[in-house]
PDB file of N, CA and C in Angstrom:
ATOM      1  N   MET A   1     107.296-167.681-137.150  1.00  0.00           N
ATOM      2  CA  MET A   1     107.363-167.027-135.847  1.00  0.00           C
ATOM      3  C   MET A   1     107.568-165.525-136.074  1.00  0.00           C
ATOM      4  N   GLU A   2     106.793-164.742-135.374  1.00  0.00           N
ATOM      5  CA  GLU A   2     106.867-163.266-135.508  1.00  0.00           C
ATOM      6  C   GLU A   2     108.117-162.747-134.802  1.00  0.00           C
ATOM      7  N   THR A   3     108.489-161.553-135.182  1.00  0.00           N
ATOM      8  CA  THR A   3     109.675-160.884-134.653  1.00  0.00           C
ATOM      9  C   THR A   3     109.621-160.785-133.124  1.00  0.00           C
ATOM     10  N   THR A   4     108.482-160.408-132.585  1.00  0.00           N
ATOM     11  CA  THR A   4     108.350-160.273-131.141  1.00  0.00           C
ATOM     12  C   THR A   4     108.523-161.618-130.446  1.00  0.00           C
ATOM     13  N   GLU A   5     107.934-162.661-131.009  1.00  0.00           N
ATOM     14  CA  GLU A   5     108.104-164.032-130.461  1.00  0.00           C
ATOM     15  C   GLU A   5     109.537-164.489-130.539  1.00  0.00           C
ATOM     16  N   LYS A   6     110.193-164.194-131.643  1.00  0.00           N
ATOM     17  CA  LYS A   6     111.618-164.564-131.790  1.00  0.00           C
ATOM     18  C   LYS A   6     112.459-163.874-130.716  1.00  0.00           C
ATOM     19  N   LYS A   7     112.202-162.591-130.492  1.00  0.00           N
ATOM     20  CA  LYS A   7     112.968-161.869-129.502  1.00  0.00           C
ATOM     21  C   LYS A   7     112.733-162.423-128.102  1.00  0.00           C
ATOM     22  N   GLN A   8     111.475-162.735-127.779  1.00  0.00           N
ATOM     23  CA  GLN A   8     111.156-163.306-126.477  1.00  0.00           C
ATOM     24  C   GLN A   8     111.842-164.640-126.297  1.00  0.00           C
ATOM     25  N   LEU A   9     111.800-165.475-127.321  1.00  0.00           N
ATOM     26  CA  LEU A   9     112.483-166.792-127.264  1.00  0.00           C
ATOM     27  C   LEU A   9     113.963-166.610-127.086  1.00  0.00           C
ATOM     28  N   HIS A  10     114.530-165.717-127.869  1.00  0.00           N
ATOM     29  CA  HIS A  10     115.964-165.433-127.770  1.00  0.00           C
ATOM     30  C   HIS A  10     116.347-164.976-126.351  1.00  0.00           C
ATOM     31  N   ASP A  11     115.542-164.103-125.787  1.00  0.00           N
ATOM     32  CA  ASP A  11     115.780-163.638-124.421  1.00  0.00           C
ATOM     33  C   ASP A  11     115.681-164.766-123.384  1.00  0.00           C
ATOM     34  N   ARG A  12     114.656-165.623-123.571  1.00  0.00           N
ATOM     35  CA  ARG A  12     114.515-166.752-122.643  1.00  0.00           C
ATOM     36  C   ARG A  12     115.710-167.685-122.723  1.00  0.00           C
ATOM     37  N   ILE A  13     116.186-167.942-123.900  1.00  0.00           N
ATOM     38  CA  ILE A  13     117.368-168.820-124.064  1.00  0.00           C
ATOM     39  C   ILE A  13     118.601-168.196-123.485  1.00  0.00           C
ATOM     40  N   ARG A  14     118.805-166.911-123.756  1.00  0.00           N
ATOM     41  CA  ARG A  14     119.955-166.192-123.178  1.00  0.00           C
ATOM     42  C   ARG A  14     119.896-166.223-121.647  1.00  0.00           C
ATOM     43  N   ASN A  15     118.733-166.018-121.069  1.00  0.00           N
ATOM     44  CA  ASN A  15     118.565-166.075-119.642  1.00  0.00           C
ATOM     45  C   ASN A  15     118.897-167.493-119.087  1.00  0.00           C
ATOM     46  N   GLY A  16     118.446-168.485-119.806  1.00  0.00           N
ATOM     47  CA  GLY A  16     118.751-169.870-119.409  1.00  0.00           C
ATOM     48  C   GLY A  16     120.246-170.140-119.456  1.00  0.00           C
ATOM     49  N   LEU A  17     120.918-169.643-120.481  1.00  0.00           N
ATOM     50  CA  LEU A  17     122.367-169.800-120.587  1.00  0.00           C
ATOM     51  C   LEU A  17     123.122-169.068-119.461  1.00  0.00           C
ATOM     52  N   GLU A  18     122.560-167.949-119.081  1.00  0.00           N
ATOM     53  CA  GLU A  18     123.177-167.162-117.990  1.00  0.00           C
ATOM     54  C   GLU A  18     123.171-167.951-116.682  1.00  0.00           C
ATOM     55  N   LYS A  19     122.148-168.782-116.481  1.00  0.00           N
ATOM     56  CA  LYS A  19     122.043-169.579-115.266  1.00  0.00           C
ATOM     57  C   LYS A  19     123.060-170.733-115.302  1.00  0.00           C
ATOM     58  N   ILE A  20     123.395-171.197-116.496  1.00  0.00           N
ATOM     59  CA  ILE A  20     124.309-172.321-116.686  1.00  0.00           C
ATOM     60  C   ILE A  20     125.757-171.855-116.676  1.00  0.00           C
ATOM     61  N   ARG A  21     125.965-170.680-117.177  1.00  0.00           N
ATOM     62  CA  ARG A  21     127.308-170.101-117.407  1.00  0.00           C
ATOM     63  C   ARG A  21     128.224-170.247-116.165  1.00  0.00           C
ATOM     64  N   PRO A  22     127.820-169.925-114.932  1.00  0.00           N
ATOM     65  CA  PRO A  22     128.737-169.968-113.809  1.00  0.00           C
ATOM     66  C   PRO A  22     129.332-171.396-113.584  1.00  0.00           C
ATOM     67  N   TYR A  23     128.566-172.430-113.907  1.00  0.00           N
ATOM     68  CA  TYR A  23     129.084-173.789-113.719  1.00  0.00           C
ATOM     69  C   TYR A  23     130.163-174.086-114.733  1.00  0.00           C
ATOM     70  N   LEU A  24     130.011-173.619-115.939  1.00  0.00           N
ATOM     71  CA  LEU A  24     131.038-173.812-116.959  1.00  0.00           C
ATOM     72  C   LEU A  24     132.262-172.958-116.635  1.00  0.00           C
ATOM     73  N   GLN A  25     132.039-171.755-116.193  1.00  0.00           N
ATOM     74  CA  GLN A  25     133.137-170.836-115.897  1.00  0.00           C
ATOM     75  C   GLN A  25     133.963-171.351-114.708  1.00  0.00           C
ATOM     76  N   ALA A  26     133.329-172.046-113.773  1.00  0.00           N
ATOM     77  CA  ALA A  26     134.029-172.600-112.607  1.00  0.00           C
ATOM     78  C   ALA A  26     135.110-173.623-113.055  1.00  0.00           C
ATOM     79  N   ASP A  27     134.897-174.206-114.222  1.00  0.00           N
ATOM     80  CA  ASP A  27     135.872-175.166-114.751  1.00  0.00           C
ATOM     81  C   ASP A  27     136.693-174.581-115.863  1.00  0.00           C
ATOM     82  N   GLY A  28     136.646-173.249-116.037  1.00  0.00           N
ATOM     83  CA  GLY A  28     137.474-172.582-117.021  1.00  0.00           C
ATOM     84  C   GLY A  28     136.866-172.485-118.398  1.00  0.00           C
ATOM     85  N   GLY A  29     135.553-172.793-118.542  1.00  0.00           N
ATOM     86  CA  GLY A  29     134.894-172.768-119.841  1.00  0.00           C
ATOM     87  C   GLY A  29     133.862-171.664-119.901  1.00  0.00           C
ATOM     88  N   ASP A  30     133.155-171.644-121.031  1.00  0.00           N
ATOM     89  CA  ASP A  30     132.086-170.654-121.206  1.00  0.00           C
ATOM     90  C   ASP A  30     131.213-171.143-122.356  1.00  0.00           C
ATOM     91  N   ILE A  31     130.113-170.430-122.576  1.00  0.00           N
ATOM     92  CA  ILE A  31     129.166-170.787-123.611  1.00  0.00           C
ATOM     93  C   ILE A  31     128.564-169.519-124.195  1.00  0.00           C
ATOM     94  N   SER A  32     128.334-169.537-125.489  1.00  0.00           N
ATOM     95  CA  SER A  32     127.661-168.388-126.121  1.00  0.00           C
ATOM     96  C   SER A  32     126.604-168.919-127.115  1.00  0.00           C
ATOM     97  N   LEU A  33     125.535-168.169-127.247  1.00  0.00           N
ATOM     98  CA  LEU A  33     124.469-168.467-128.186  1.00  0.00           C
ATOM     99  C   LEU A  33     124.910-168.084-129.576  1.00  0.00           C
ATOM    100  N   VAL A  34     124.770-168.991-130.535  1.00  0.00           N
ATOM    101  CA  VAL A  34     125.120-168.726-131.933  1.00  0.00           C
ATOM    102  C   VAL A  34     123.872-168.473-132.777  1.00  0.00           C
ATOM    103  N   GLU A  35     122.904-169.397-132.649  1.00  0.00           N
ATOM    104  CA  GLU A  35     121.739-169.283-133.519  1.00  0.00           C
ATOM    105  C   GLU A  35     120.599-170.133-132.932  1.00  0.00           C
ATOM    106  N   ILE A  36     119.386-169.728-133.236  1.00  0.00           N
ATOM    107  CA  ILE A  36     118.188-170.538-132.961  1.00  0.00           C
ATOM    108  C   ILE A  36     117.537-170.785-134.325  1.00  0.00           C
ATOM    109  N   THR A  37     117.457-172.025-134.737  1.00  0.00           N
ATOM    110  CA  THR A  37     116.911-172.352-136.042  1.00  0.00           C
ATOM    111  C   THR A  37     115.388-172.320-136.035  1.00  0.00           C
ATOM    112  N   GLU A  38     114.788-172.296-137.201  1.00  0.00           N
ATOM    113  CA  GLU A  38     113.343-172.323-137.301  1.00  0.00           C
ATOM    114  C   GLU A  38     112.732-173.552-136.708  1.00  0.00           C
ATOM    115  N   ASP A  39     113.467-174.701-136.725  1.00  0.00           N
ATOM    116  CA  ASP A  39     112.938-175.947-136.210  1.00  0.00           C
ATOM    117  C   ASP A  39     113.343-176.143-134.722  1.00  0.00           C
ATOM    118  N   MET A  40     113.682-175.020-134.057  1.00  0.00           N
ATOM    119  CA  MET A  40     113.902-174.967-132.612  1.00  0.00           C
ATOM    120  C   MET A  40     115.139-175.748-132.150  1.00  0.00           C
ATOM    121  N   VAL A  41     116.181-175.710-132.953  1.00  0.00           N
ATOM    122  CA  VAL A  41     117.486-176.245-132.536  1.00  0.00           C
ATOM    123  C   VAL A  41     118.328-175.046-132.112  1.00  0.00           C
ATOM    124  N   VAL A  42     118.873-175.146-130.913  1.00  0.00           N
ATOM    125  CA  VAL A  42     119.724-174.076-130.363  1.00  0.00           C
ATOM    126  C   VAL A  42     121.144-174.439-130.656  1.00  0.00           C
ATOM    127  N   LYS A  43     121.858-173.518-131.343  1.00  0.00           N
ATOM    128  CA  LYS A  43     123.267-173.716-131.629  1.00  0.00           C
ATOM    129  C   LYS A  43     124.089-172.837-130.697  1.00  0.00           C
ATOM    130  N   VAL A  44     125.010-173.445-130.014  1.00  0.00           N
ATOM    131  CA  VAL A  44     125.873-172.769-129.040  1.00  0.00           C
ATOM    132  C   VAL A  44     127.334-173.027-129.376  1.00  0.00           C
ATOM    133  N   GLU A  45     128.192-172.199-128.846  1.00  0.00           N
ATOM    134  CA  GLU A  45     129.622-172.422-128.964  1.00  0.00           C
ATOM    135  C   GLU A  45     130.192-172.551-127.546  1.00  0.00           C
ATOM    136  N   LEU A  46     130.879-173.680-127.333  1.00  0.00           N
ATOM    137  CA  LEU A  46     131.564-173.871-126.059  1.00  0.00           C
ATOM    138  C   LEU A  46     132.993-173.344-126.264  1.00  0.00           C
ATOM    139  N   THR A  47     133.459-172.558-125.284  1.00  0.00           N
ATOM    140  CA  THR A  47     134.762-171.951-125.384  1.00  0.00           C
ATOM    141  C   THR A  47     135.591-172.210-124.132  1.00  0.00           C
ATOM    142  N   GLY A  48     136.827-171.762-124.156  1.00  0.00           N
ATOM    143  CA  GLY A  48     137.710-171.950-123.025  1.00  0.00           C
ATOM    144  C   GLY A  48     138.029-173.406-122.812  1.00  0.00           C
ATOM    145  N   ALA A  49     138.061-173.824-121.575  1.00  0.00           N
ATOM    146  CA  ALA A  49     138.372-175.223-121.263  1.00  0.00           C
ATOM    147  C   ALA A  49     137.341-176.212-121.828  1.00  0.00           C
ATOM    148  N   CYS A  50     136.143-175.746-122.118  1.00  0.00           N
ATOM    149  CA  CYS A  50     135.119-176.623-122.679  1.00  0.00           C
ATOM    150  C   CYS A  50     135.429-177.004-124.138  1.00  0.00           C
ATOM    151  N   CYS A  51     136.124-176.129-124.814  1.00  0.00           N
ATOM    152  CA  CYS A  51     136.465-176.371-126.236  1.00  0.00           C
ATOM    153  C   CYS A  51     137.497-177.470-126.295  1.00  0.00           C
ATOM    154  N   GLY A  52     137.099-178.615-126.863  1.00  0.00           N
ATOM    155  CA  GLY A  52     138.004-179.727-126.998  1.00  0.00           C
ATOM    156  C   GLY A  52     138.050-180.648-125.775  1.00  0.00           C
ATOM    157  N   CYS A  53     137.312-180.361-124.739  1.00  0.00           N
ATOM    158  CA  CYS A  53     137.278-181.205-123.534  1.00  0.00           C
ATOM    159  C   CYS A  53     136.586-182.525-123.891  1.00  0.00           C
ATOM    160  N   PRO A  54     137.124-183.650-123.453  1.00  0.00           N
ATOM    161  CA  PRO A  54     136.530-184.931-123.779  1.00  0.00           C
ATOM    162  C   PRO A  54     135.104-185.086-123.169  1.00  0.00           C
ATOM    163  N   TYR A  55     134.751-184.311-122.194  1.00  0.00           N
ATOM    164  CA  TYR A  55     133.443-184.395-121.572  1.00  0.00           C
ATOM    165  C   TYR A  55     132.473-183.345-122.092  1.00  0.00           C
ATOM    166  N   SER A  56     132.870-182.541-123.053  1.00  0.00           N
ATOM    167  CA  SER A  56     132.044-181.438-123.564  1.00  0.00           C
ATOM    168  C   SER A  56     130.699-181.918-124.108  1.00  0.00           C
ATOM    169  N   THR A  57     130.684-183.092-124.809  1.00  0.00           N
ATOM    170  CA  THR A  57     129.421-183.553-125.340  1.00  0.00           C
ATOM    171  C   THR A  57     128.477-183.958-124.213  1.00  0.00           C
ATOM    172  N   GLN A  58     129.010-184.607-123.189  1.00  0.00           N
ATOM    173  CA  GLN A  58     128.197-184.975-122.026  1.00  0.00           C
ATOM    174  C   GLN A  58     127.688-183.713-121.317  1.00  0.00           C
ATOM    175  N   THR A  59     128.540-182.717-121.139  1.00  0.00           N
ATOM    176  CA  THR A  59     128.127-181.475-120.535  1.00  0.00           C
ATOM    177  C   THR A  59     127.023-180.808-121.321  1.00  0.00           C
ATOM    178  N   LEU A  60     127.174-180.799-122.671  1.00  0.00           N
ATOM    179  CA  LEU A  60     126.207-180.182-123.554  1.00  0.00           C
ATOM    180  C   LEU A  60     124.871-180.867-123.448  1.00  0.00           C
ATOM    181  N   LYS A  61     124.821-182.172-123.569  1.00  0.00           N
ATOM    182  CA  LYS A  61     123.577-182.931-123.619  1.00  0.00           C
ATOM    183  C   LYS A  61     122.939-183.093-122.220  1.00  0.00           C
ATOM    184  N   ALA A  62     123.708-183.560-121.262  1.00  0.00           N
ATOM    185  CA  ALA A  62     123.149-183.819-119.956  1.00  0.00           C
ATOM    186  C   ALA A  62     123.041-182.563-119.085  1.00  0.00           C
ATOM    187  N   GLY A  63     123.797-181.559-119.370  1.00  0.00           N
ATOM    188  CA  GLY A  63     123.740-180.361-118.592  1.00  0.00           C
ATOM    189  C   GLY A  63     122.998-179.219-119.272  1.00  0.00           C
ATOM    190  N   VAL A  64     123.573-178.675-120.285  1.00  0.00           N
ATOM    191  CA  VAL A  64     123.044-177.514-120.980  1.00  0.00           C
ATOM    192  C   VAL A  64     121.689-177.802-121.608  1.00  0.00           C
ATOM    193  N   GLU A  65     121.620-178.842-122.422  1.00  0.00           N
ATOM    194  CA  GLU A  65     120.385-179.181-123.134  1.00  0.00           C
ATOM    195  C   GLU A  65     119.248-179.466-122.174  1.00  0.00           C
ATOM    196  N   GLN A  66     119.502-180.271-121.169  1.00  0.00           N
ATOM    197  CA  GLN A  66     118.415-180.617-120.231  1.00  0.00           C
ATOM    198  C   GLN A  66     117.937-179.400-119.435  1.00  0.00           C
ATOM    199  N   ALA A  67     118.874-178.531-119.010  1.00  0.00           N
ATOM    200  CA  ALA A  67     118.479-177.345-118.279  1.00  0.00           C
ATOM    201  C   ALA A  67     117.659-176.402-119.133  1.00  0.00           C
ATOM    202  N   LEU A  68     118.063-176.207-120.395  1.00  0.00           N
ATOM    203  CA  LEU A  68     117.306-175.318-121.273  1.00  0.00           C
ATOM    204  C   LEU A  68     115.937-175.910-121.601  1.00  0.00           C
ATOM    205  N   LYS A  69     115.892-177.194-121.905  1.00  0.00           N
ATOM    206  CA  LYS A  69     114.591-177.812-122.223  1.00  0.00           C
ATOM    207  C   LYS A  69     113.634-177.765-121.055  1.00  0.00           C
ATOM    208  N   LYS A  70     114.164-177.835-119.850  1.00  0.00           N
ATOM    209  CA  LYS A  70     113.298-177.786-118.642  1.00  0.00           C
ATOM    210  C   LYS A  70     112.594-176.392-118.578  1.00  0.00           C
ATOM    211  N   GLU A  71     113.353-175.356-118.891  1.00  0.00           N
ATOM    212  CA  GLU A  71     112.825-173.983-118.856  1.00  0.00           C
ATOM    213  C   GLU A  71     112.038-173.634-120.095  1.00  0.00           C
ATOM    214  N   ILE A  72     112.483-174.170-121.229  1.00  0.00           N
ATOM    215  CA  ILE A  72     111.901-173.807-122.517  1.00  0.00           C
ATOM    216  C   ILE A  72     111.597-175.116-123.293  1.00  0.00           C
ATOM    217  N   PRO A  73     110.454-175.737-123.012  1.00  0.00           N
ATOM    218  CA  PRO A  73     110.145-177.046-123.534  1.00  0.00           C
ATOM    219  C   PRO A  73     110.058-177.104-125.097  1.00  0.00           C
ATOM    220  N   GLU A  74     109.856-175.960-125.730  1.00  0.00           N
ATOM    221  CA  GLU A  74     109.750-175.975-127.183  1.00  0.00           C
ATOM    222  C   GLU A  74     111.079-176.219-127.890  1.00  0.00           C
ATOM    223  N   ILE A  75     112.179-176.163-127.167  1.00  0.00           N
ATOM    224  CA  ILE A  75     113.485-176.461-127.747  1.00  0.00           C
ATOM    225  C   ILE A  75     113.555-177.965-128.078  1.00  0.00           C
ATOM    226  N   LYS A  76     113.999-178.241-129.287  1.00  0.00           N
ATOM    227  CA  LYS A  76     114.103-179.647-129.751  1.00  0.00           C
ATOM    228  C   LYS A  76     115.450-180.232-129.385  1.00  0.00           C
ATOM    229  N   GLU A  77     116.546-179.427-129.512  1.00  0.00           N
ATOM    230  CA  GLU A  77     117.880-179.939-129.331  1.00  0.00           C
ATOM    231  C   GLU A  77     118.824-178.764-129.140  1.00  0.00           C
ATOM    232  N   VAL A  78     119.948-179.005-128.469  1.00  0.00           N
ATOM    233  CA  VAL A  78     121.013-178.057-128.311  1.00  0.00           C
ATOM    234  C   VAL A  78     122.259-178.716-128.917  1.00  0.00           C
ATOM    235  N   ILE A  79     122.897-178.008-129.862  1.00  0.00           N
ATOM    236  CA  ILE A  79     124.103-178.552-130.481  1.00  0.00           C
ATOM    237  C   ILE A  79     125.257-177.524-130.392  1.00  0.00           C
ATOM    238  N   SER A  80     126.454-178.031-130.405  1.00  0.00           N
ATOM    239  CA  SER A  80     127.657-177.217-130.342  1.00  0.00           C
ATOM    240  C   SER A  80     128.178-177.001-131.772  1.00  0.00           C
ATOM    241  N   VAL A  81     128.568-175.770-132.040  1.00  0.00           N
ATOM    242  CA  VAL A  81     129.198-175.461-133.328  1.00  0.00           C
ATOM    243  C   VAL A  81     130.501-174.709-133.057  1.00  0.00           C
ATOM    244  N   SER A  82     131.410-174.738-133.975  1.00  0.00           N
ATOM    245  CA  SER A  82     132.678-174.028-133.821  1.00  0.00           C
ATOM    246  C   SER A  82     132.459-172.611-134.286  1.00  0.00           C
ATOM    247  N   GLY A  83     133.163-171.687-133.572  1.00  0.00           N
ATOM    248  CA  GLY A  83     133.028-170.270-133.907  1.00  0.00           C
ATOM    249  C   GLY A  83     133.825-169.924-135.076  1.00  0.00           C
TER     250      GLY A  83
END
């Protein structure tokens, strides 16, 4: 992937996360983009109340991942990593 394409993808993912962020912040949490791998896996960090929440996996897969995949179909998966 060329540098311009990487930047465009990065911007699209950041914009997608910005749309999701208010829902997480309403419950005291937040999300940040950590990395986009070559095989289109998006790594994010859940922070605040989301960090350690028993529902964070469900939020990540059913909320964040589905919303991002809807906007950016080339994403294969969204995973959470520790900062």
